Every structure is written in C-alpha cells, then in structure tokens.
C-alpha atoms as a PDB file:
ATOM      1  CA  UNK A   1     153.133  69.996  74.756  1.00  0.00           C
ATOM      2  CA  UNK A   2     152.648  66.684  73.538  1.00  0.00           C
ATOM      3  CA  UNK A   3     154.310  66.705  69.635  1.00  0.00           C
ATOM      4  CA  UNK A   4     152.268  64.750  66.547  1.00  0.00           C
ATOM      5  CA  UNK A   5     153.346  64.963  63.005  1.00  0.00           C
ATOM      6  CA  UNK A   6     151.316  64.177  60.188  1.00  0.00           C
ATOM      7  CA  UNK A   7     151.785  60.382  60.194  1.00  0.00           C
ATOM      8  CA  UNK A   8     150.229  60.360  63.475  1.00  0.00           C
ATOM      9  CA  UNK A   9     147.616  63.583  63.981  1.00  0.00           C
ATOM     10  CA  UNK A  10     144.693  61.415  64.258  1.00  0.00           C
ATOM     11  CA  UNK A  11     143.327  59.975  66.935  1.00  0.00           C
ATOM     12  CA  UNK A  12     141.393  55.914  67.171  1.00  0.00           C
ATOM     13  CA  UNK A  13     138.454  57.871  66.725  1.00  0.00           C
ATOM     14  CA  UNK A  14     139.042  59.281  64.263  1.00  0.00           C
ATOM     15  CA  UNK A  15     140.088  63.288  65.589  1.00  0.00           C
ATOM     16  CA  UNK A  16     142.859  64.946  64.616  1.00  0.00           C
ATOM     17  CA  UNK A  17     145.941  65.869  67.357  1.00  0.00           C
ATOM     18  CA  UNK A  18     144.863  69.596  66.449  1.00  0.00           C
ATOM     19  CA  UNK A  19     141.239  68.966  67.285  1.00  0.00           C
ATOM     20  CA  UNK A  20     141.878  66.911  70.701  1.00  0.00           C
ATOM     21  CA  UNK A  21     144.475  69.629  71.869  1.00  0.00           C
ATOM     22  CA  UNK A  22     142.013  72.210  72.215  1.00  0.00           C
ATOM     23  CA  UNK A  23     140.142  69.905  74.402  1.00  0.00           C
ATOM     24  CA  UNK A  24     140.516  69.263  78.243  1.00  0.00           C
ATOM     25  CA  UNK A  25     138.970  66.503  79.833  1.00  0.00           C
ATOM     26  CA  UNK A  26     138.197  68.221  83.232  1.00  0.00           C
ATOM     27  CA  UNK A  27     138.151  65.206  85.734  1.00  0.00           C
ATOM     28  CA  UNK A  28     136.806  66.770  88.903  1.00  0.00           C
ATOM     29  CA  UNK A  29     136.968  63.609  91.400  1.00  0.00           C
ATOM     30  CA  UNK A  30     138.747  62.435  93.762  1.00  0.00           C
ATOM     31  CA  UNK A  31     140.214  59.208  92.953  1.00  0.00           C
ATOM     32  CA  UNK A  32     142.965  58.622  90.663  1.00  0.00           C
ATOM     33  CA  UNK A  33     141.492  55.082  89.708  1.00  0.00           C
ATOM     34  CA  UNK A  34     138.346  56.818  88.580  1.00  0.00           C
ATOM     35  CA  UNK A  35     141.028  59.113  86.728  1.00  0.00           C
ATOM     36  CA  UNK A  36     142.630  57.594  85.158  1.00  0.00           C
ATOM     37  CA  UNK A  37     139.778  55.169  83.633  1.00  0.00           C
ATOM     38  CA  UNK A  38     138.087  58.291  82.682  1.00  0.00           C
ATOM     39  CA  UNK A  39     141.442  58.937  80.932  1.00  0.00           C
ATOM     40  CA  UNK A  40     141.924  55.933  79.589  1.00  0.00           C
ATOM     41  CA  UNK A  41     138.119  55.961  78.021  1.00  0.00           C
ATOM     42  CA  UNK A  42     138.027  59.335  76.728  1.00  0.00           C
ATOM     43  CA  UNK A  43     141.313  59.970  75.250  1.00  0.00           C
ATOM     44  CA  UNK A  44     140.141  59.535  72.097  1.00  0.00           C
ATOM     45  CA  UNK A  45     138.342  63.101  72.141  1.00  0.00           C
ATOM     46  CA  UNK A  46     140.607  65.207  74.576  1.00  0.00           C
ATOM     47  CA  UNK A  47     144.751  65.862  74.423  1.00  0.00           C
ATOM     48  CA  UNK A  48     144.488  68.022  77.807  1.00  0.00           C
ATOM     49  CA  UNK A  49     143.736  66.397  81.440  1.00  0.00           C
ATOM     50  CA  UNK A  50     142.344  68.741  83.756  1.00  0.00           C
ATOM     51  CA  UNK A  51     144.044  68.288  87.656  1.00  0.00           C
ATOM     52  CA  UNK A  52     141.837  70.443  90.168  1.00  0.00           C
ATOM     53  CA  UNK A  53     142.117  70.620  93.444  1.00  0.00           C
ATOM     54  CA  UNK A  54     139.669  67.266  94.373  1.00  0.00           C
ATOM     55  CA  UNK A  55     142.304  65.117  92.293  1.00  0.00           C
ATOM     56  CA  UNK A  56     144.925  67.025  93.442  1.00  0.00           C
ATOM     57  CA  UNK A  57     144.620  66.613  97.073  1.00  0.00           C
ATOM     58  CA  UNK A  58     143.399  62.780  96.908  1.00  0.00           C
ATOM     59  CA  UNK A  59     146.501  61.726  94.776  1.00  0.00           C
ATOM     60  CA  UNK A  60     148.849  64.606  94.582  1.00  0.00           C
ATOM     61  CA  UNK A  61     151.255  64.851  92.261  1.00  0.00           C
ATOM     62  CA  UNK A  62     151.144  61.146  91.787  1.00  0.00           C
ATOM     63  CA  UNK A  63     147.734  62.235  89.432  1.00  0.00           C
ATOM     64  CA  UNK A  64     149.993  64.738  87.012  1.00  0.00           C
ATOM     65  CA  UNK A  65     152.306  61.549  86.715  1.00  0.00           C
ATOM     66  CA  UNK A  66     149.935  58.657  86.127  1.00  0.00           C
ATOM     67  CA  UNK A  67     147.831  61.013  82.835  1.00  0.00           C
ATOM     68  CA  UNK A  68     151.231  61.744  81.608  1.00  0.00           C
ATOM     69  CA  UNK A  69     151.913  58.125  80.753  1.00  0.00           C
ATOM     70  CA  UNK A  70     148.932  57.974  79.293  1.00  0.00           C
ATOM     71  CA  UNK A  71     149.511  60.827  76.658  1.00  0.00           C
ATOM     72  CA  UNK A  72     148.243  63.635  78.171  1.00  0.00           C
ATOM     73  CA  UNK A  73     149.166  66.893  78.469  1.00  0.00           C
ATOM     74  CA  UNK A  74     148.130  68.444  82.096  1.00  0.00           C
ATOM     75  CA  UNK A  75     146.322  71.227  83.237  1.00  0.00           C
ATOM     76  CA  UNK A  76     146.804  72.017  87.411  1.00  0.00           C
ATOM     77  CA  UNK A  77     144.103  73.548  87.940  1.00  0.00           C
ATOM     78  CA  UNK A  78     145.383  74.597  91.423  1.00  0.00           C
ATOM     79  CA  UNK A  79     144.625  78.713  91.203  1.00  0.00           C
ATOM     80  CA  UNK A  80     147.917  79.447  93.207  1.00  0.00           C
ATOM     81  CA  UNK A  81     146.717  82.732  95.500  1.00  0.00           C
ATOM     82  CA  UNK A  82     149.210  83.452  98.046  1.00  0.00           C
ATOM     83  CA  UNK A  83     151.932  85.913  99.310  1.00  0.00           C
ATOM     84  CA  UNK A  84     154.392  85.917  96.263  1.00  0.00           C
ATOM     85  CA  UNK A  85     157.501  84.221  97.632  1.00  0.00           C
ATOM     86  CA  UNK A  86     154.913  81.412  98.433  1.00  0.00           C
ATOM     87  CA  UNK A  87     153.665  81.162  95.266  1.00  0.00           C
ATOM     88  CA  UNK A  88     157.246  80.956  93.268  1.00  0.00           C
ATOM     89  CA  UNK A  89     158.394  78.630  95.159  1.00  0.00           C
ATOM     90  CA  UNK A  90     154.902  76.336  94.769  1.00  0.00           C
ATOM     91  CA  UNK A  91     154.731  77.482  91.420  1.00  0.00           C
ATOM     92  CA  UNK A  92     158.700  75.873  91.091  1.00  0.00           C
ATOM     93  CA  UNK A  93     157.724  72.460  92.584  1.00  0.00           C
ATOM     94  CA  UNK A  94     155.093  72.277  89.988  1.00  0.00           C
ATOM     95  CA  UNK A  95     156.599  73.368  87.244  1.00  0.00           C
ATOM     96  CA  UNK A  96     159.270  70.576  88.037  1.00  0.00           C
ATOM     97  CA  UNK A  97     156.180  67.777  87.797  1.00  0.00           C
ATOM     98  CA  UNK A  98     155.672  68.227  83.880  1.00  0.00           C
ATOM     99  CA  UNK A  99     152.590  70.219  83.596  1.00  0.00           C
ATOM    100  CA  UNK A 100     152.446  71.582  80.839  1.00  0.00           C
ATOM    101  CA  UNK A 101     149.480  74.654  82.103  1.00  0.00           C
ATOM    102  CA  UNK A 102     148.924  76.048  85.919  1.00  0.00           C
ATOM    103  CA  UNK A 103     146.816  78.469  86.672  1.00  0.00           C
ATOM    104  CA  UNK A 104     147.310  81.289  89.413  1.00  0.00           C
ATOM    105  CA  UNK A 105     144.075  83.723  90.610  1.00  0.00           C
ATOM    106  CA  UNK A 106     144.987  86.958  88.717  1.00  0.00           C
ATOM    107  CA  UNK A 107     142.765  88.352  91.415  1.00  0.00           C
ATOM    108  CA  UNK A 108     146.682  87.669  93.732  1.00  0.00           C
ATOM    109  CA  UNK A 109     148.117  90.849  91.264  1.00  0.00           C
ATOM    110  CA  UNK A 110     150.780  91.732  89.373  1.00  0.00           C
ATOM    111  CA  UNK A 111     153.875  90.600  91.958  1.00  0.00           C
ATOM    112  CA  UNK A 112     152.000  87.630  92.977  1.00  0.00           C
ATOM    113  CA  UNK A 113     151.289  86.684  89.142  1.00  0.00           C
ATOM    114  CA  UNK A 114     155.017  87.294  88.019  1.00  0.00           C
ATOM    115  CA  UNK A 115     156.561  85.111  91.410  1.00  0.00           C
ATOM    116  CA  UNK A 116     154.394  82.424  89.874  1.00  0.00           C
ATOM    117  CA  UNK A 117     155.665  82.748  85.932  1.00  0.00           C
ATOM    118  CA  UNK A 118     159.468  83.168  87.682  1.00  0.00           C
ATOM    119  CA  UNK A 119     158.992  79.981  89.690  1.00  0.00           C
ATOM    120  CA  UNK A 120     157.068  77.903  87.083  1.00  0.00           C
ATOM    121  CA  UNK A 121     159.304  78.321  84.429  1.00  0.00           C
ATOM    122  CA  UNK A 122     162.241  77.850  86.804  1.00  0.00           C
ATOM    123  CA  UNK A 123     160.962  74.901  88.152  1.00  0.00           C
ATOM    124  CA  UNK A 124     160.826  73.322  84.738  1.00  0.00           C
ATOM    125  CA  UNK A 125     164.034  74.581  83.571  1.00  0.00           C
ATOM    126  CA  UNK A 126     165.866  72.457  87.047  1.00  0.00           C
ATOM    127  CA  UNK A 127     163.857  69.259  85.329  1.00  0.00           C
ATOM    128  CA  UNK A 128     165.387  69.819  82.075  1.00  0.00           C
ATOM    129  CA  UNK A 129     161.648  70.501  80.835  1.00  0.00           C
ATOM    130  CA  UNK A 130     159.964  72.470  78.738  1.00  0.00           C
ATOM    131  CA  UNK A 131     158.333  75.790  79.921  1.00  0.00           C
ATOM    132  CA  UNK A 132     154.622  75.726  80.443  1.00  0.00           C
ATOM    133  CA  UNK A 133     152.065  78.025  80.212  1.00  0.00           C
ATOM    134  CA  UNK A 134     150.763  80.173  83.354  1.00  0.00           C
ATOM    135  CA  UNK A 135     146.829  80.943  82.659  1.00  0.00           C
ATOM    136  CA  UNK A 136     146.284  83.767  84.620  1.00  0.00           C
ATOM    137  CA  UNK A 137     142.588  83.503  85.904  1.00  0.00           C
ATOM    138  CA  UNK A 138     140.476  86.190  85.623  1.00  0.00           C
ATOM    139  CA  UNK A 139     136.804  85.468  86.923  1.00  0.00           C
ATOM    140  CA  UNK A 140     135.424  82.150  88.202  1.00  0.00           C
ATOM    141  CA  UNK A 141     133.103  81.119  85.643  1.00  0.00           C
ATOM    142  CA  UNK A 142     130.339  80.403  89.019  1.00  0.00           C
ATOM    143  CA  UNK A 143     131.127  83.776  89.672  1.00  0.00           C
ATOM    144  CA  UNK A 144     127.670  86.112  88.144  1.00  0.00           C
ATOM    145  CA  UNK A 145     127.847  88.738  89.809  1.00  0.00           C
ATOM    146  CA  UNK A 146     131.738  90.597  88.881  1.00  0.00           C
ATOM    147  CA  UNK A 147     132.135  94.551  87.582  1.00  0.00           C
ATOM    148  CA  UNK A 148     132.107  95.077  84.119  1.00  0.00           C
ATOM    149  CA  UNK A 149     135.542  95.894  84.570  1.00  0.00           C
ATOM    150  CA  UNK A 150     137.322  93.518  86.470  1.00  0.00           C
ATOM    151  CA  UNK A 151     137.799  90.904  83.609  1.00  0.00           C
ATOM    152  CA  UNK A 152     139.914  93.720  80.948  1.00  0.00           C
ATOM    153  CA  UNK A 153     142.012  94.607  84.755  1.00  0.00           C
ATOM    154  CA  UNK A 154     142.837  90.878  84.907  1.00  0.00           C
ATOM    155  CA  UNK A 155     143.405  90.369  81.458  1.00  0.00           C
ATOM    156  CA  UNK A 156     146.444  93.387  81.435  1.00  0.00           C
ATOM    157  CA  UNK A 157     147.846  92.134  84.469  1.00  0.00           C
ATOM    158  CA  UNK A 158     148.123  88.515  83.317  1.00  0.00           C
ATOM    159  CA  UNK A 159     150.082  89.725  80.137  1.00  0.00           C
ATOM    160  CA  UNK A 160     152.161  92.422  81.986  1.00  0.00           C
ATOM    161  CA  UNK A 161     153.126  89.793  84.444  1.00  0.00           C
ATOM    162  CA  UNK A 162     154.403  87.635  81.641  1.00  0.00           C
ATOM    163  CA  UNK A 163     151.369  85.103  81.807  1.00  0.00           C
ATOM    164  CA  UNK A 164     151.004  83.085  78.501  1.00  0.00           C
ATOM    165  CA  UNK A 165     147.729  82.404  78.863  1.00  0.00           C
ATOM    166  CA  UNK A 166     144.358  83.247  80.518  1.00  0.00           C
ATOM    167  CA  UNK A 167     141.153  81.441  82.021  1.00  0.00           C
ATOM    168  CA  UNK A 168     138.035  83.489  81.319  1.00  0.00           C
ATOM    169  CA  UNK A 169     134.495  82.790  80.769  1.00  0.00           C
ATOM    170  CA  UNK A 170     133.212  83.226  77.094  1.00  0.00           C
ATOM    171  CA  UNK A 171     131.571  86.047  76.862  1.00  0.00           C
ATOM    172  CA  UNK A 172     134.906  88.201  78.059  1.00  0.00           C
ATOM    173  CA  UNK A 173     136.836  86.127  74.918  1.00  0.00           C
ATOM    174  CA  UNK A 174     136.622  89.437  73.265  1.00  0.00           C
ATOM    175  CA  UNK A 175     137.736  91.765  75.547  1.00  0.00           C
ATOM    176  CA  UNK A 176     140.652  88.703  76.097  1.00  0.00           C
ATOM    177  CA  UNK A 177     140.973  89.099  72.290  1.00  0.00           C
ATOM    178  CA  UNK A 178     141.690  92.502  72.620  1.00  0.00           C
ATOM    179  CA  UNK A 179     143.416  93.479  75.461  1.00  0.00           C
ATOM    180  CA  UNK A 180     146.303  89.928  75.162  1.00  0.00           C
ATOM    181  CA  UNK A 181     145.636  88.740  72.073  1.00  0.00           C
ATOM    182  CA  UNK A 182     148.889  86.508  72.032  1.00  0.00           C
ATOM    183  CA  UNK A 183     148.112  84.964  75.668  1.00  0.00           C
ATOM    184  CA  UNK A 184     146.613  81.197  74.950  1.00  0.00           C
ATOM    185  CA  UNK A 185     142.644  81.546  75.813  1.00  0.00           C
ATOM    186  CA  UNK A 186     141.309  78.479  77.728  1.00  0.00           C
ATOM    187  CA  UNK A 187     137.229  78.468  78.579  1.00  0.00           C
ATOM    188  CA  UNK A 188     135.528  77.081  81.082  1.00  0.00           C
ATOM    189  CA  UNK A 189     131.664  76.251  81.795  1.00  0.00           C
ATOM    190  CA  UNK A 190     131.263  74.458  78.629  1.00  0.00           C
ATOM    191  CA  UNK A 191     127.870  72.574  77.776  1.00  0.00           C
ATOM    192  CA  UNK A 192     126.568  71.117  74.936  1.00  0.00           C
ATOM    193  CA  UNK A 193     122.687  72.929  74.571  1.00  0.00           C
ATOM    194  CA  UNK A 194     120.306  71.278  76.450  1.00  0.00           C
ATOM    195  CA  UNK A 195     122.423  70.394  79.310  1.00  0.00           C
ATOM    196  CA  UNK A 196     122.482  71.678  82.433  1.00  0.00           C
ATOM    197  CA  UNK A 197     124.550  73.794  84.238  1.00  0.00           C
ATOM    198  CA  UNK A 198     124.910  72.995  87.752  1.00  0.00           C
ATOM    199  CA  UNK A 199     126.564  75.399  89.140  1.00  0.00           C
ATOM    200  CA  UNK A 200     127.893  77.749  86.342  1.00  0.00           C
ATOM    201  CA  UNK A 201     127.130  81.280  86.258  1.00  0.00           C
ATOM    202  CA  UNK A 202     128.401  81.641  82.598  1.00  0.00           C
ATOM    203  CA  UNK A 203     128.576  78.860  79.471  1.00  0.00           C
ATOM    204  CA  UNK A 204     128.738  78.181  76.473  1.00  0.00           C
ATOM    205  CA  UNK A 205     127.513  75.414  74.083  1.00  0.00           C
ATOM    206  CA  UNK A 206     131.484  74.378  71.960  1.00  0.00           C
ATOM    207  CA  UNK A 207     130.567  75.732  68.351  1.00  0.00           C
ATOM    208  CA  UNK A 208     129.468  79.201  70.607  1.00  0.00           C
ATOM    209  CA  UNK A 209     132.857  79.405  72.541  1.00  0.00           C
ATOM    210  CA  UNK A 210     135.082  77.834  69.457  1.00  0.00           C
ATOM    211  CA  UNK A 211     133.484  80.749  66.901  1.00  0.00           C
ATOM    212  CA  UNK A 212     134.040  83.977  70.079  1.00  0.00           C
ATOM    213  CA  UNK A 213     137.922  83.011  70.102  1.00  0.00           C
ATOM    214  CA  UNK A 214     138.885  80.116  72.470  1.00  0.00           C
ATOM    215  CA  UNK A 215     141.962  78.124  72.573  1.00  0.00           C
ATOM    216  CA  UNK A 216     140.927  75.187  74.809  1.00  0.00           C
ATOM    217  CA  UNK A 217     137.775  74.402  75.974  1.00  0.00           C
ATOM    218  CA  UNK A 218     137.628  72.240  79.897  1.00  0.00           C
ATOM    219  CA  UNK A 219     134.750  70.209  79.369  1.00  0.00           C
ATOM    220  CA  UNK A 220     134.239  68.024  82.974  1.00  0.00           C
ATOM    221  CA  UNK A 221     130.361  67.073  83.742  1.00  0.00           C
ATOM    222  CA  UNK A 222     128.498  67.394  80.519  1.00  0.00           C
ATOM    223  CA  UNK A 223     130.947  63.829  79.343  1.00  0.00           C
ATOM    224  CA  UNK A 224     131.915  62.746  83.020  1.00  0.00           C
ATOM    225  CA  UNK A 225     128.819  62.570  84.587  1.00  0.00           C
ATOM    226  CA  UNK A 226     126.972  61.509  81.332  1.00  0.00           C
ATOM    227  CA  UNK A 227     124.846  58.447  80.792  1.00  0.00           C
ATOM    228  CA  UNK A 228     127.433  57.670  78.162  1.00  0.00           C
ATOM    229  CA  UNK A 229     130.379  59.677  78.343  1.00  0.00           C
ATOM    230  CA  UNK A 230     132.399  58.505  75.279  1.00  0.00           C
ATOM    231  CA  UNK A 231     129.229  59.680  73.493  1.00  0.00           C
ATOM    232  CA  UNK A 232     128.649  62.864  74.623  1.00  0.00           C
ATOM    233  CA  UNK A 233     132.426  63.038  74.379  1.00  0.00           C
ATOM    234  CA  UNK A 234     131.892  62.741  70.126  1.00  0.00           C
ATOM    235  CA  UNK A 235     128.836  64.678  70.524  1.00  0.00           C
ATOM    236  CA  UNK A 236     130.722  67.551  71.311  1.00  0.00           C
ATOM    237  CA  UNK A 237     133.344  66.971  68.533  1.00  0.00           C
ATOM    238  CA  UNK A 238     130.405  66.547  65.782  1.00  0.00           C
ATOM    239  CA  UNK A 239     129.160  70.491  67.014  1.00  0.00           C
ATOM    240  CA  UNK A 240     132.975  71.321  66.407  1.00  0.00           C
ATOM    241  CA  UNK A 241     133.727  70.080  63.003  1.00  0.00           C
ATOM    242  CA  UNK A 242     130.210  70.478  61.817  1.00  0.00           C
END
C-alpha cells in the first residue's frame, strides 16, 4: 500500500490521503490511454485504481504498471474462479505484478479461495513485495436474486480461507461486520443520490455505505461517465466529509 506521513497527507484537491485510500476509481474502459487520462484527472480524489476484466483484457499487466506509476494502489478485479490449482498459479503471477488487492469469487469454495490466497502471497513474496489483500467476492451487485443465506455463507468461507477482505453490497455490511469484523470491506454499486443505477441491483450512496461500515468504496460510472468527472468526484468527497 502507498505510505503516507504527516507532511504529505493532503492531495492537491485538499483531500487527505486517509480519505483517498477509501475511494477506488473503477477504470472500466478498454483503452489504457483513456484509463491513464482518467487516472491523472481524478487522482486528487482517489487513492485506489480498479482494473477490471475489460481493461485487463485490453492491456494486461501493463495496466497495473501504468497505474502504479501514477501513484495508485491497484485493485485488480478479475474475480478468479477455477479449480484450485489454476487459481493458485494465476494468483501467483498476479501477486508478482504489484497489485494491492485481488478478487477471487467466493462461489468457488474454500479450497479454491485458500489456493488463491496462498498463490497471491507467494507471488508477491517472490517479487520482494508486500502481501496483497485477497478479496472474496460474495455476490455480484447486479444480482438481486441471491437467497438471504448466501452472503453470510460466503463471508464465513472467505474468512476461513484466509482472505484479507470481502467485496459485498452495502446492504450486506452488517453480516460482514458481524461474521468477519477484521476483514476489509469493499463496496461496489456506489451511486450518489439521483444518479442512474445502470445494471446494479444493489446500490447505496457514498454516505450510506460508509455509515454502514464500508472501508473502501468502488466508484465508476457515477464519476467516469459524468459530464464533469472532477466535479462529480469533488461532490462525492464533499458528501463523505459533511
């Protein structure tokens, strides 16, 4: 993770590094030039850059390196889900890239998650890097049909497998806090009041998610698709600080 100190804890926007570390910019584009342009523009408000399947498919490991060079912590959101051996080997490769967070789908079960955690840790260690945080994805925020027992079950699995964090909807934060209080809680589906929900079935405003116990908010189209992305980012931070 990016280190901060008392002399350099304010970005050019006036936002503290502590606040920036809670905001992940979802760069869901298929072009690295566009991603880095957005990254530069929005860096005063965001401390984490999320590389999803679209950008990783377009640019591969280069996307991770480019965003690290901009000073971001990198959240690689590829939701690994395969047999344990394959996930272990893939996570080992990704850990060596210098990612700070990596998602694995908890639907894959405890053996798969544990294999991913071990591979991720080993890959980072082999590269002389700090251990990244393995994030167990509980239920996609586009899924509004999951039975009530699914999220608690997957939270327990993620914790038992050694994941350092969870990805869950804001409505599931109570279960996450109760069942795995030490895990980092990452919440996608963040939408400021009055903005489009797009394909998300489980959404929350930034203030609601933080009040319910989120540690990191993943924010994409609400900012990147806005007419003025910098103004949209400023408004979100203002809500969080009010």
